[in-house]
């Protein structure tokens, strides 16, 4: 994300006009953006934490929870909204 913002600035966009909108972001990434680009506005729905370089499960896999599916299963992406789903 820092690189994307740097590219926008290199193309003439001022930090005050850059907005980051993210449903989920890691706290470390937000701190890095604020450190390198302090005038960028950030709006985040959920802040996840890193543990040993990995995100701690929080909002991740929301598609599975929303559609009651298990994307890691052999059946894959079945959804209660599928045509063959039983009521």
Protein backbone atom coordinates (compact mmCIF):
# COMPACT_ATOMS: atom_id res chain seq x y z
CA UNK A 1 0.00 0.00 0.00
CA UNK A 2 2.86 2.37 0.79
CA UNK A 3 4.21 1.78 -2.72
CA UNK A 4 0.83 2.56 -4.30
CA UNK A 5 0.59 5.82 -2.39
CA UNK A 6 4.17 6.70 -3.35
CA UNK A 7 3.29 6.08 -7.01
CA UNK A 8 0.26 8.37 -6.78
CA UNK A 9 2.42 11.07 -5.23
CA UNK A 10 5.05 10.60 -7.97
CA UNK A 11 2.28 11.26 -10.50
CA UNK A 12 1.39 14.55 -8.83
CA UNK A 13 -1.40 13.62 -6.40
CA UNK A 14 -1.04 15.39 -3.06
CA UNK A 15 -1.30 13.32 0.14
CA UNK A 16 -4.30 15.37 1.26
CA UNK A 17 -6.28 14.01 -1.72
CA UNK A 18 -5.43 10.33 -1.13
CA UNK A 19 -7.90 8.16 0.79
CA UNK A 20 -7.32 4.55 1.80
CA UNK A 21 -10.56 2.62 2.27
CA UNK A 22 -10.11 -0.96 3.46
CA UNK A 23 -12.50 -3.47 5.03
CA UNK A 24 -9.57 -5.09 6.90
CA UNK A 25 -6.02 -3.92 7.56
CA UNK A 26 -3.14 -4.95 9.79
CA UNK A 27 -2.14 -2.47 12.48
CA UNK A 28 1.51 -2.59 11.36
CA UNK A 29 0.54 -1.59 7.82
CA UNK A 30 -1.54 1.32 9.08
CA UNK A 31 1.35 2.53 11.24
CA UNK A 32 3.74 2.26 8.26
CA UNK A 33 1.41 4.28 6.03
CA UNK A 34 1.02 6.92 8.74
CA UNK A 35 4.79 7.07 9.19
CA UNK A 36 5.65 7.43 5.50
CA UNK A 37 2.57 9.36 4.34
CA UNK A 38 1.21 11.25 7.39
CA UNK A 39 -1.40 13.31 5.51
CA UNK A 40 -3.19 10.34 3.89
CA UNK A 41 -6.69 9.69 5.24
CA UNK A 42 -7.38 6.05 6.17
CA UNK A 43 -10.79 4.50 6.81
CA UNK A 44 -10.70 0.88 7.99
CA UNK A 45 -13.57 -1.41 9.00
CA UNK A 46 -11.52 -3.82 11.12
CA UNK A 47 -7.93 -3.81 12.32
CA UNK A 48 -6.38 -7.29 12.46
CA UNK A 49 -3.24 -8.08 14.40
CA UNK A 50 -0.05 -9.77 13.20
CA UNK A 51 1.43 -12.63 15.19
CA UNK A 52 4.80 -13.94 14.01
CA UNK A 53 4.25 -12.32 10.61
CA UNK A 54 0.79 -13.81 10.07
CA UNK A 55 -2.63 -12.25 10.45
CA UNK A 56 -4.66 -13.46 13.41
CA UNK A 57 -8.03 -14.79 12.18
CA UNK A 58 -10.68 -12.16 12.65
CA UNK A 59 -12.72 -10.95 9.74
CA UNK A 60 -10.93 -13.26 7.31
CA UNK A 61 -13.03 -15.92 5.55
CA UNK A 62 -16.13 -13.73 5.83
CA UNK A 63 -17.40 -15.25 2.56
CA UNK A 64 -17.44 -18.67 4.20
CA UNK A 65 -19.36 -17.38 7.20
CA UNK A 66 -21.78 -15.31 5.12
CA UNK A 67 -22.62 -18.10 2.67
CA UNK A 68 -22.21 -21.00 5.15
CA UNK A 69 -19.57 -22.60 2.93
CA UNK A 70 -16.20 -24.16 3.55
CA UNK A 71 -13.89 -23.12 0.73
CA UNK A 72 -11.16 -25.42 1.98
CA UNK A 73 -13.40 -28.50 1.66
CA UNK A 74 -13.43 -30.69 -1.47
CA UNK A 75 -16.95 -29.42 -2.27
CA UNK A 76 -15.55 -25.91 -2.55
CA UNK A 77 -17.93 -23.00 -3.00
CA UNK A 78 -21.44 -24.43 -2.43
CA UNK A 79 -23.74 -21.78 -1.12
CA UNK A 80 -27.23 -21.84 0.37
CA UNK A 81 -28.09 -19.49 -2.47
CA UNK A 82 -27.16 -22.10 -5.10
CA UNK A 83 -29.88 -23.38 -7.40
CA UNK A 84 -29.48 -26.91 -6.00
CA UNK A 85 -29.55 -25.85 -2.33
CA UNK A 86 -32.31 -27.30 -0.19
CA UNK A 87 -34.41 -24.94 1.93
